Amino acid sequence: MEFLCYHRDRPGALPLREELLEEHWSYMDRYQERMIARGPTFGADGETPTGSLHIVELSDPEAARAFAFDEPGYQAGVYRDVLLRRWRDLLGRTMWDFPGGRTGGDRYLVLGFGAGEAVDLAVPEGKDELVAYGPLLSDDGATWLGTAALVRAPGPDAARAVLTEERYAGVEVHDWEFGGRR
C-alpha cells in the first residue's frame, strides 16, 4: 500500500528542524527502498522550509501511522500537523525515474481536497512534467478524498491547473524540491 505523508512545519520551528536534520535523514534512510517521492516544501521566499513530504510504500495504515508519528521532527514538535492518506501511484514510477531529473525548472506539490464525486482519476496530459500523481484515499482505499501531484511547472498557477480546481473543496500549491541527503 502506498501512503502520502505531509508534515507541515510549526511556525518558528526552523532552528529545531535544522538541529534534527541528520536524525530525520537517518530515520528516512530506513525507508529508502520503499520511497516513491520525498522532499521539503518552502515558503514564498523559496528558502524557508514549510513542510516535509514523503510518499512511501508500507504494509498497512498502522505502519503508516508509525512512519508519520515516530519521525524525530514530529516527536520533537517541529510540525504543526500531519496529512496522512493512502495514495495510489498512477505513474508507476518513483521521483528518481522522473524524465526531467532532479534539477531544472520549478517543482510543486499540489494537493486537492475532495468535495463529492471523485475527479482527476486519470493521468492528465503532460505526463512528462509529472513527478508523481495519484488519488488520496481512505485507509481502506475505498473512498476518494482528493488528489496529490508533484509537478514541474513554470509557476504555481500552471501547477494548480493539473487539477480540475472547481471540483475540489480546496487546492493547495507548495514550492517543493527533490529530497534526501545532499
N, C-alpha and C. Protein backbone atom coordinates (compact mmCIF):
# COMPACT_ATOMS: atom_id res chain seq x y z
N MET A 1 0.84 -1.18 0.00
CA MET A 1 0.00 0.00 0.00
C MET A 1 0.89 1.24 0.00
N GLU A 2 0.45 2.24 -0.72
CA GLU A 2 1.21 3.49 -0.80
C GLU A 2 0.50 4.55 0.04
N PHE A 3 1.32 5.37 0.71
CA PHE A 3 0.79 6.42 1.58
C PHE A 3 1.51 7.72 1.30
N LEU A 4 0.77 8.82 1.39
CA LEU A 4 1.34 10.16 1.31
C LEU A 4 1.33 10.73 2.73
N CYS A 5 2.46 11.23 3.14
CA CYS A 5 2.61 11.83 4.46
C CYS A 5 3.21 13.22 4.28
N TYR A 6 2.47 14.24 4.69
CA TYR A 6 2.95 15.61 4.59
C TYR A 6 2.94 16.24 5.98
N HIS A 7 4.13 16.38 6.55
CA HIS A 7 4.31 17.05 7.83
C HIS A 7 4.42 18.55 7.55
N ARG A 8 3.54 19.35 8.15
CA ARG A 8 3.57 20.81 7.97
C ARG A 8 4.29 21.43 9.17
N ASP A 9 5.28 22.27 8.89
CA ASP A 9 6.08 22.88 9.96
C ASP A 9 5.25 23.80 10.84
N ARG A 10 5.62 23.82 12.10
CA ARG A 10 5.06 24.75 13.08
C ARG A 10 5.81 26.07 12.91
N PRO A 11 5.12 27.21 12.93
CA PRO A 11 5.84 28.50 12.85
C PRO A 11 6.91 28.60 13.93
N GLY A 12 8.07 29.07 13.54
CA GLY A 12 9.16 29.27 14.48
C GLY A 12 9.98 28.03 14.78
N ALA A 13 9.69 26.92 14.09
CA ALA A 13 10.37 25.66 14.38
C ALA A 13 11.63 25.43 13.56
N LEU A 14 12.03 26.40 12.74
CA LEU A 14 13.18 26.19 11.86
C LEU A 14 14.46 25.81 12.62
N PRO A 15 14.82 26.48 13.72
CA PRO A 15 16.05 26.05 14.42
C PRO A 15 15.99 24.59 14.88
N LEU A 16 14.85 24.16 15.39
CA LEU A 16 14.70 22.78 15.83
C LEU A 16 14.75 21.84 14.63
N ARG A 17 14.13 22.22 13.53
CA ARG A 17 14.16 21.42 12.30
C ARG A 17 15.61 21.20 11.86
N GLU A 18 16.39 22.29 11.83
CA GLU A 18 17.78 22.21 11.40
C GLU A 18 18.60 21.33 12.36
N GLU A 19 18.34 21.45 13.65
CA GLU A 19 19.04 20.66 14.65
C GLU A 19 18.78 19.16 14.45
N LEU A 20 17.59 18.81 14.00
CA LEU A 20 17.19 17.41 13.86
C LEU A 20 17.36 16.85 12.44
N LEU A 21 17.97 17.62 11.54
CA LEU A 21 18.05 17.20 10.14
C LEU A 21 18.73 15.84 9.97
N GLU A 22 19.83 15.62 10.62
CA GLU A 22 20.53 14.34 10.47
C GLU A 22 19.68 13.20 11.04
N GLU A 23 19.01 13.44 12.16
CA GLU A 23 18.12 12.40 12.71
C GLU A 23 16.98 12.10 11.75
N HIS A 24 16.43 13.15 11.14
CA HIS A 24 15.36 12.97 10.15
C HIS A 24 15.85 12.10 8.98
N TRP A 25 17.00 12.47 8.41
CA TRP A 25 17.53 11.71 7.28
C TRP A 25 17.84 10.27 7.67
N SER A 26 18.41 10.07 8.84
CA SER A 26 18.71 8.70 9.29
C SER A 26 17.43 7.88 9.43
N TYR A 27 16.39 8.50 9.95
CA TYR A 27 15.09 7.83 10.07
C TYR A 27 14.57 7.46 8.68
N MET A 28 14.62 8.40 7.76
CA MET A 28 14.10 8.15 6.40
C MET A 28 14.96 7.15 5.64
N ASP A 29 16.25 7.07 5.95
CA ASP A 29 17.12 6.08 5.29
C ASP A 29 16.58 4.67 5.48
N ARG A 30 15.92 4.42 6.60
CA ARG A 30 15.36 3.09 6.87
C ARG A 30 14.26 2.73 5.88
N TYR A 31 13.67 3.74 5.22
CA TYR A 31 12.55 3.53 4.30
C TYR A 31 12.94 3.75 2.83
N GLN A 32 14.20 4.02 2.57
CA GLN A 32 14.64 4.42 1.23
C GLN A 32 14.17 3.47 0.13
N GLU A 33 14.25 2.18 0.37
CA GLU A 33 13.87 1.20 -0.67
C GLU A 33 12.38 1.25 -0.99
N ARG A 34 11.59 1.84 -0.09
CA ARG A 34 10.14 1.89 -0.28
C ARG A 34 9.63 3.28 -0.64
N MET A 35 10.55 4.25 -0.80
CA MET A 35 10.16 5.62 -1.12
C MET A 35 9.77 5.76 -2.59
N ILE A 36 8.68 6.48 -2.81
CA ILE A 36 8.25 6.84 -4.16
C ILE A 36 8.68 8.29 -4.42
N ALA A 37 8.56 9.12 -3.41
CA ALA A 37 8.98 10.53 -3.52
C ALA A 37 9.18 11.08 -2.13
N ARG A 38 10.01 12.12 -2.06
CA ARG A 38 10.26 12.80 -0.79
C ARG A 38 10.84 14.18 -1.06
N GLY A 39 10.70 15.05 -0.09
CA GLY A 39 11.32 16.35 -0.21
C GLY A 39 10.61 17.43 0.57
N PRO A 40 11.32 18.53 0.82
CA PRO A 40 10.76 19.64 1.57
C PRO A 40 9.91 20.56 0.70
N THR A 41 8.98 21.25 1.38
CA THR A 41 8.26 22.35 0.74
C THR A 41 8.79 23.65 1.34
N PHE A 42 8.57 24.75 0.61
CA PHE A 42 9.14 26.04 1.00
C PHE A 42 8.11 27.15 0.93
N GLY A 43 8.35 28.20 1.73
CA GLY A 43 7.50 29.39 1.74
C GLY A 43 7.72 30.26 0.52
N ALA A 44 7.06 31.40 0.52
CA ALA A 44 7.09 32.32 -0.61
C ALA A 44 8.50 32.80 -0.95
N ASP A 45 9.40 32.82 0.04
CA ASP A 45 10.77 33.27 -0.22
C ASP A 45 11.61 32.21 -0.94
N GLY A 46 11.06 31.00 -1.06
CA GLY A 46 11.78 29.92 -1.73
C GLY A 46 12.90 29.32 -0.91
N GLU A 47 13.08 29.78 0.32
CA GLU A 47 14.18 29.35 1.17
C GLU A 47 13.73 28.72 2.50
N THR A 48 12.66 29.24 3.07
CA THR A 48 12.23 28.80 4.39
C THR A 48 11.38 27.54 4.27
N PRO A 49 11.82 26.44 4.88
CA PRO A 49 11.04 25.20 4.83
C PRO A 49 9.67 25.38 5.51
N THR A 50 8.65 24.78 4.89
CA THR A 50 7.30 24.83 5.45
C THR A 50 6.75 23.44 5.72
N GLY A 51 7.44 22.42 5.25
CA GLY A 51 6.93 21.06 5.45
C GLY A 51 7.86 20.03 4.87
N SER A 52 7.47 18.78 5.06
CA SER A 52 8.27 17.65 4.61
C SER A 52 7.32 16.58 4.04
N LEU A 53 7.48 16.27 2.77
CA LEU A 53 6.61 15.32 2.07
C LEU A 53 7.32 13.99 1.88
N HIS A 54 6.58 12.91 2.11
CA HIS A 54 7.08 11.56 1.83
C HIS A 54 5.94 10.74 1.25
N ILE A 55 6.20 10.09 0.14
CA ILE A 55 5.26 9.11 -0.41
C ILE A 55 6.01 7.78 -0.35
N VAL A 56 5.42 6.83 0.37
CA VAL A 56 6.15 5.62 0.72
C VAL A 56 5.22 4.41 0.69
N GLU A 57 5.78 3.27 0.33
CA GLU A 57 5.02 2.03 0.35
C GLU A 57 5.20 1.37 1.72
N LEU A 58 4.06 1.08 2.36
CA LEU A 58 4.07 0.47 3.69
C LEU A 58 3.01 -0.63 3.73
N SER A 59 3.10 -1.48 4.73
CA SER A 59 2.25 -2.67 4.77
C SER A 59 0.78 -2.39 5.05
N ASP A 60 0.49 -1.37 5.85
CA ASP A 60 -0.91 -1.12 6.23
C ASP A 60 -1.01 0.26 6.89
N PRO A 61 -2.26 0.71 7.19
CA PRO A 61 -2.43 2.02 7.82
C PRO A 61 -1.72 2.15 9.17
N GLU A 62 -1.64 1.08 9.92
CA GLU A 62 -0.94 1.14 11.21
C GLU A 62 0.55 1.45 11.00
N ALA A 63 1.16 0.80 10.03
CA ALA A 63 2.57 1.07 9.71
C ALA A 63 2.74 2.50 9.22
N ALA A 64 1.76 3.01 8.49
CA ALA A 64 1.82 4.40 8.00
C ALA A 64 1.76 5.38 9.17
N ARG A 65 0.89 5.12 10.13
CA ARG A 65 0.82 6.00 11.31
C ARG A 65 2.13 5.96 12.10
N ALA A 66 2.71 4.79 12.24
CA ALA A 66 4.01 4.69 12.92
C ALA A 66 5.07 5.48 12.15
N PHE A 67 5.10 5.35 10.83
CA PHE A 67 6.04 6.09 9.99
C PHE A 67 5.89 7.60 10.26
N ALA A 68 4.67 8.10 10.22
CA ALA A 68 4.42 9.53 10.36
C ALA A 68 4.71 10.06 11.76
N PHE A 69 4.29 9.32 12.78
CA PHE A 69 4.32 9.87 14.13
C PHE A 69 5.54 9.48 14.95
N ASP A 70 6.34 8.53 14.46
CA ASP A 70 7.61 8.20 15.10
C ASP A 70 8.77 9.03 14.54
N GLU A 71 8.52 9.78 13.49
CA GLU A 71 9.55 10.61 12.85
C GLU A 71 10.12 11.59 13.89
N PRO A 72 11.45 11.74 13.97
CA PRO A 72 12.07 12.56 15.01
C PRO A 72 11.57 14.00 15.09
N GLY A 73 11.34 14.64 13.96
CA GLY A 73 10.83 16.01 13.97
C GLY A 73 9.44 16.09 14.56
N TYR A 74 8.60 15.12 14.23
CA TYR A 74 7.26 15.09 14.80
C TYR A 74 7.35 14.90 16.32
N GLN A 75 8.16 13.96 16.74
CA GLN A 75 8.31 13.67 18.17
C GLN A 75 8.82 14.90 18.94
N ALA A 76 9.65 15.73 18.31
CA ALA A 76 10.24 16.88 18.98
C ALA A 76 9.39 18.15 18.87
N GLY A 77 8.33 18.13 18.06
CA GLY A 77 7.46 19.29 17.95
C GLY A 77 7.76 20.22 16.79
N VAL A 78 8.47 19.75 15.77
CA VAL A 78 8.75 20.58 14.61
C VAL A 78 7.47 20.87 13.82
N TYR A 79 6.56 19.91 13.79
CA TYR A 79 5.41 20.02 12.88
C TYR A 79 4.14 20.48 13.56
N ARG A 80 3.39 21.28 12.83
CA ARG A 80 2.09 21.79 13.28
C ARG A 80 1.02 20.72 13.14
N ASP A 81 1.06 19.99 12.01
CA ASP A 81 0.09 18.93 11.77
C ASP A 81 0.63 17.98 10.71
N VAL A 82 -0.10 16.90 10.51
CA VAL A 82 0.32 15.88 9.56
C VAL A 82 -0.87 15.47 8.70
N LEU A 83 -0.69 15.51 7.39
CA LEU A 83 -1.65 14.95 6.46
C LEU A 83 -1.15 13.55 6.12
N LEU A 84 -1.92 12.53 6.46
CA LEU A 84 -1.55 11.15 6.19
C LEU A 84 -2.72 10.48 5.48
N ARG A 85 -2.50 10.10 4.23
CA ARG A 85 -3.55 9.48 3.43
C ARG A 85 -2.98 8.33 2.61
N ARG A 86 -3.81 7.33 2.42
CA ARG A 86 -3.46 6.30 1.45
C ARG A 86 -3.43 6.99 0.09
N TRP A 87 -2.59 6.48 -0.79
CA TRP A 87 -2.36 7.12 -2.09
C TRP A 87 -2.14 6.03 -3.12
N ARG A 88 -2.42 6.31 -4.37
CA ARG A 88 -2.18 5.33 -5.43
C ARG A 88 -1.31 5.96 -6.51
N ASP A 89 -0.20 5.33 -6.79
CA ASP A 89 0.78 5.80 -7.78
C ASP A 89 0.26 5.50 -9.19
N LEU A 90 -0.31 6.49 -9.86
CA LEU A 90 -0.84 6.28 -11.20
C LEU A 90 0.23 6.34 -12.28
N LEU A 91 1.43 6.83 -11.94
CA LEU A 91 2.51 6.89 -12.94
C LEU A 91 3.35 5.63 -12.95
N GLY A 92 3.32 4.87 -11.86
CA GLY A 92 4.09 3.63 -11.80
C GLY A 92 5.60 3.84 -11.76
N ARG A 93 6.01 4.96 -11.17
CA ARG A 93 7.45 5.24 -11.07
C ARG A 93 7.73 6.04 -9.82
N THR A 94 9.00 6.13 -9.47
CA THR A 94 9.42 6.96 -8.34
C THR A 94 9.91 8.30 -8.87
N MET A 95 10.19 9.21 -7.96
CA MET A 95 10.71 10.52 -8.38
C MET A 95 12.08 10.38 -9.04
N TRP A 96 12.82 9.33 -8.68
CA TRP A 96 14.14 9.11 -9.25
C TRP A 96 14.06 8.67 -10.70
N ASP A 97 12.87 8.23 -11.13
CA ASP A 97 12.65 7.83 -12.52
C ASP A 97 12.07 8.97 -13.36
N PHE A 98 11.83 10.12 -12.74
CA PHE A 98 11.24 11.26 -13.44
C PHE A 98 12.13 11.66 -14.61
N PRO A 99 11.58 11.71 -15.84
CA PRO A 99 12.41 12.01 -17.01
C PRO A 99 13.10 13.38 -16.96
N GLY A 100 12.54 14.32 -16.17
CA GLY A 100 13.11 15.65 -16.08
C GLY A 100 14.30 15.77 -15.14
N GLY A 101 14.61 14.71 -14.41
CA GLY A 101 15.75 14.74 -13.50
C GLY A 101 15.50 15.53 -12.23
N ARG A 102 16.54 15.64 -11.42
CA ARG A 102 16.44 16.29 -10.10
C ARG A 102 16.48 17.81 -10.17
N THR A 103 17.02 18.37 -11.23
CA THR A 103 17.19 19.82 -11.29
C THR A 103 16.55 20.36 -12.56
N GLY A 104 16.43 21.67 -12.61
CA GLY A 104 15.88 22.32 -13.79
C GLY A 104 14.38 22.53 -13.67
N GLY A 105 13.96 23.77 -13.65
CA GLY A 105 12.54 24.10 -13.57
C GLY A 105 12.05 24.15 -12.14
N ASP A 106 10.90 24.77 -11.98
CA ASP A 106 10.27 24.87 -10.67
C ASP A 106 9.41 23.65 -10.42
N ARG A 107 9.40 23.19 -9.17
CA ARG A 107 8.65 21.98 -8.80
C ARG A 107 7.64 22.35 -7.71
N TYR A 108 6.50 21.68 -7.75
CA TYR A 108 5.42 21.99 -6.81
C TYR A 108 4.74 20.73 -6.31
N LEU A 109 4.27 20.81 -5.07
CA LEU A 109 3.34 19.84 -4.50
C LEU A 109 1.96 20.47 -4.64
N VAL A 110 1.05 19.74 -5.28
CA VAL A 110 -0.33 20.21 -5.46
C VAL A 110 -1.23 19.22 -4.72
N LEU A 111 -2.01 19.74 -3.78
CA LEU A 111 -2.94 18.93 -3.00
C LEU A 111 -4.36 19.41 -3.26
N GLY A 112 -5.20 18.54 -3.79
CA GLY A 112 -6.61 18.85 -3.99
C GLY A 112 -7.43 18.05 -2.99
N PHE A 113 -8.23 18.75 -2.18
CA PHE A 113 -9.02 18.09 -1.15
C PHE A 113 -10.44 17.88 -1.66
N GLY A 114 -10.84 16.61 -1.68
CA GLY A 114 -12.09 16.20 -2.30
C GLY A 114 -13.33 16.83 -1.72
N ALA A 115 -14.31 16.99 -2.62
CA ALA A 115 -15.63 17.50 -2.25
C ALA A 115 -16.64 16.80 -3.15
N GLY A 116 -17.13 15.66 -2.70
CA GLY A 116 -18.13 14.96 -3.50
C GLY A 116 -17.54 13.89 -4.38
N GLU A 117 -18.04 13.86 -5.61
CA GLU A 117 -17.67 12.82 -6.56
C GLU A 117 -16.19 12.90 -6.95
N ALA A 118 -15.58 11.74 -7.11
CA ALA A 118 -14.16 11.67 -7.47
C ALA A 118 -13.91 12.34 -8.82
N VAL A 119 -12.74 12.96 -8.93
CA VAL A 119 -12.34 13.66 -10.14
C VAL A 119 -10.84 13.47 -10.33
N ASP A 120 -10.36 13.68 -11.55
CA ASP A 120 -8.93 13.61 -11.87
C ASP A 120 -8.34 12.24 -11.54
N LEU A 121 -9.07 11.19 -11.88
CA LEU A 121 -8.62 9.83 -11.60
C LEU A 121 -7.70 9.29 -12.69
N ALA A 122 -7.64 9.96 -13.82
CA ALA A 122 -6.74 9.55 -14.90
C ALA A 122 -5.55 10.52 -14.93
N VAL A 123 -4.43 10.03 -15.40
CA VAL A 123 -3.24 10.87 -15.52
C VAL A 123 -3.51 11.95 -16.56
N PRO A 124 -3.31 13.23 -16.20
CA PRO A 124 -3.56 14.31 -17.15
C PRO A 124 -2.50 14.36 -18.25
N GLU A 125 -2.81 15.12 -19.30
CA GLU A 125 -1.83 15.33 -20.36
C GLU A 125 -0.60 16.00 -19.74
N GLY A 126 0.52 15.90 -20.41
CA GLY A 126 1.75 16.47 -19.88
C GLY A 126 2.40 15.58 -18.85
N LYS A 127 2.23 14.27 -19.01
CA LYS A 127 2.75 13.29 -18.06
C LYS A 127 4.25 13.48 -17.80
N ASP A 128 4.98 13.94 -18.81
CA ASP A 128 6.43 14.12 -18.63
C ASP A 128 6.77 15.22 -17.65
N GLU A 129 5.81 16.06 -17.30
CA GLU A 129 6.04 17.12 -16.31
C GLU A 129 5.60 16.69 -14.92
N LEU A 130 5.02 15.49 -14.81
CA LEU A 130 4.57 14.98 -13.53
C LEU A 130 5.66 14.13 -12.89
N VAL A 131 6.01 14.46 -11.67
CA VAL A 131 6.98 13.67 -10.91
C VAL A 131 6.24 12.52 -10.22
N ALA A 132 5.05 12.82 -9.69
CA ALA A 132 4.19 11.82 -9.04
C ALA A 132 2.76 12.30 -9.18
N TYR A 133 1.81 11.36 -9.24
CA TYR A 133 0.41 11.72 -9.41
C TYR A 133 -0.47 10.58 -8.94
N GLY A 134 -1.51 10.92 -8.16
CA GLY A 134 -2.45 9.89 -7.76
C GLY A 134 -3.49 10.39 -6.79
N PRO A 135 -4.52 9.56 -6.58
CA PRO A 135 -5.59 9.93 -5.66
C PRO A 135 -5.20 9.74 -4.21
N LEU A 136 -5.78 10.60 -3.36
CA LEU A 136 -5.72 10.45 -1.91
C LEU A 136 -6.95 9.64 -1.52
N LEU A 137 -6.75 8.62 -0.69
CA LEU A 137 -7.82 7.67 -0.40
C LEU A 137 -7.99 7.46 1.10
N SER A 138 -9.13 6.92 1.49
CA SER A 138 -9.35 6.50 2.87
C SER A 138 -8.43 5.33 3.18
N ASP A 139 -8.29 5.00 4.45
CA ASP A 139 -7.39 3.92 4.88
C ASP A 139 -7.68 2.60 4.16
N ASP A 140 -8.95 2.31 3.90
CA ASP A 140 -9.29 1.06 3.23
C ASP A 140 -9.20 1.16 1.71
N GLY A 141 -8.87 2.34 1.20
CA GLY A 141 -8.70 2.53 -0.24
C GLY A 141 -10.01 2.65 -1.01
N ALA A 142 -11.15 2.65 -0.32
CA ALA A 142 -12.44 2.62 -1.00
C ALA A 142 -13.01 4.01 -1.30
N THR A 143 -12.60 5.02 -0.54
CA THR A 143 -13.19 6.35 -0.69
C THR A 143 -12.15 7.35 -1.17
N TRP A 144 -12.49 8.05 -2.25
CA TRP A 144 -11.64 9.11 -2.79
C TRP A 144 -11.75 10.35 -1.89
N LEU A 145 -10.60 10.87 -1.47
CA LEU A 145 -10.57 12.04 -0.61
C LEU A 145 -9.89 13.24 -1.26
N GLY A 146 -9.32 13.03 -2.44
CA GLY A 146 -8.65 14.12 -3.13
C GLY A 146 -7.59 13.59 -4.07
N THR A 147 -6.70 14.47 -4.49
CA THR A 147 -5.64 14.13 -5.43
C THR A 147 -4.37 14.85 -5.02
N ALA A 148 -3.23 14.19 -5.20
CA ALA A 148 -1.94 14.80 -4.93
C ALA A 148 -1.03 14.63 -6.13
N ALA A 149 -0.30 15.69 -6.45
CA ALA A 149 0.62 15.66 -7.58
C ALA A 149 1.90 16.39 -7.22
N LEU A 150 2.99 15.88 -7.73
CA LEU A 150 4.26 16.60 -7.75
C LEU A 150 4.51 16.92 -9.20
N VAL A 151 4.71 18.18 -9.50
CA VAL A 151 4.75 18.60 -10.90
C VAL A 151 5.84 19.65 -11.13
N ARG A 152 6.48 19.56 -12.31
CA ARG A 152 7.37 20.62 -12.76
C ARG A 152 6.52 21.55 -13.61
N ALA A 153 6.53 22.85 -13.27
CA ALA A 153 5.69 23.81 -13.98
C ALA A 153 6.35 25.18 -13.96
N PRO A 154 5.97 26.05 -14.90
CA PRO A 154 6.58 27.39 -14.95
C PRO A 154 6.14 28.31 -13.81
N GLY A 155 5.17 27.89 -13.01
CA GLY A 155 4.73 28.70 -11.88
C GLY A 155 3.60 28.00 -11.15
N PRO A 156 3.20 28.56 -9.99
CA PRO A 156 2.17 27.90 -9.18
C PRO A 156 0.82 27.79 -9.88
N ASP A 157 0.45 28.77 -10.69
CA ASP A 157 -0.83 28.69 -11.39
C ASP A 157 -0.84 27.55 -12.40
N ALA A 158 0.26 27.36 -13.09
CA ALA A 158 0.36 26.24 -14.04
C ALA A 158 0.34 24.91 -13.30
N ALA A 159 0.96 24.86 -12.13
CA ALA A 159 0.94 23.63 -11.33
C ALA A 159 -0.48 23.34 -10.87
N ARG A 160 -1.19 24.35 -10.41
CA ARG A 160 -2.57 24.20 -9.94
C ARG A 160 -3.48 23.68 -11.06
N ALA A 161 -3.18 24.06 -12.30
CA ALA A 161 -4.01 23.68 -13.44
C ALA A 161 -3.96 22.18 -13.74
N VAL A 162 -3.07 21.44 -13.08
CA VAL A 162 -3.04 19.98 -13.24
C VAL A 162 -4.35 19.38 -12.74
N LEU A 163 -4.99 20.05 -11.76
CA LEU A 163 -6.25 19.56 -11.21
C LEU A 163 -7.43 20.39 -11.73
N THR A 164 -8.60 19.80 -11.70
CA THR A 164 -9.84 20.49 -12.05
C THR A 164 -10.30 21.24 -10.80
N GLU A 165 -9.73 22.42 -10.58
CA GLU A 165 -9.85 23.12 -9.30
C GLU A 165 -11.28 23.29 -8.80
N GLU A 166 -12.20 23.62 -9.68
CA GLU A 166 -13.57 23.88 -9.24
C GLU A 166 -14.28 22.65 -8.67
N ARG A 167 -13.71 21.48 -8.85
CA ARG A 167 -14.31 20.23 -8.35
C ARG A 167 -13.78 19.84 -6.96
N TYR A 168 -12.93 20.68 -6.37
CA TYR A 168 -12.33 20.39 -5.07
C TYR A 168 -12.83 21.39 -4.02
N ALA A 169 -12.85 20.96 -2.77
CA ALA A 169 -13.18 21.87 -1.66
C ALA A 169 -12.06 22.90 -1.49
N GLY A 170 -10.84 22.50 -1.82
CA GLY A 170 -9.69 23.40 -1.74
C GLY A 170 -8.49 22.79 -2.43
N VAL A 171 -7.64 23.64 -2.95
CA VAL A 171 -6.41 23.20 -3.60
C VAL A 171 -5.27 24.02 -3.02
N GLU A 172 -4.22 23.32 -2.61
CA GLU A 172 -3.00 23.97 -2.10
C GLU A 172 -1.87 23.71 -3.08
N VAL A 173 -1.02 24.71 -3.25
CA VAL A 173 0.18 24.57 -4.08
C VAL A 173 1.36 25.03 -3.24
N HIS A 174 2.36 24.16 -3.14
CA HIS A 174 3.56 24.43 -2.33
C HIS A 174 4.80 24.28 -3.19
N ASP A 175 5.75 25.21 -3.07
CA ASP A 175 7.07 25.01 -3.68
C ASP A 175 7.66 23.74 -3.09
N TRP A 176 8.24 22.89 -3.93
CA TRP A 176 8.76 21.61 -3.48
C TRP A 176 10.06 21.31 -4.22
N GLU A 177 10.94 20.58 -3.57
CA GLU A 177 12.14 20.12 -4.27
C GLU A 177 12.42 18.66 -3.91
N PHE A 178 13.16 17.99 -4.79
CA PHE A 178 13.57 16.60 -4.53
C PHE A 178 14.31 16.56 -3.21
N GLY A 179 13.99 15.58 -2.39
CA GLY A 179 14.60 15.49 -1.07
C GLY A 179 15.62 14.36 -0.98
N GLY A 180 16.08 14.20 0.22
CA GLY A 180 17.09 13.18 0.51
C GLY A 180 18.40 13.84 0.87
N ARG A 181 19.35 13.01 1.18
CA ARG A 181 20.68 13.53 1.55
C ARG A 181 21.32 14.29 0.40
N ARG A 182 21.99 15.35 0.78
CA ARG A 182 22.68 16.15 -0.24
C ARG A 182 24.14 15.78 -0.27
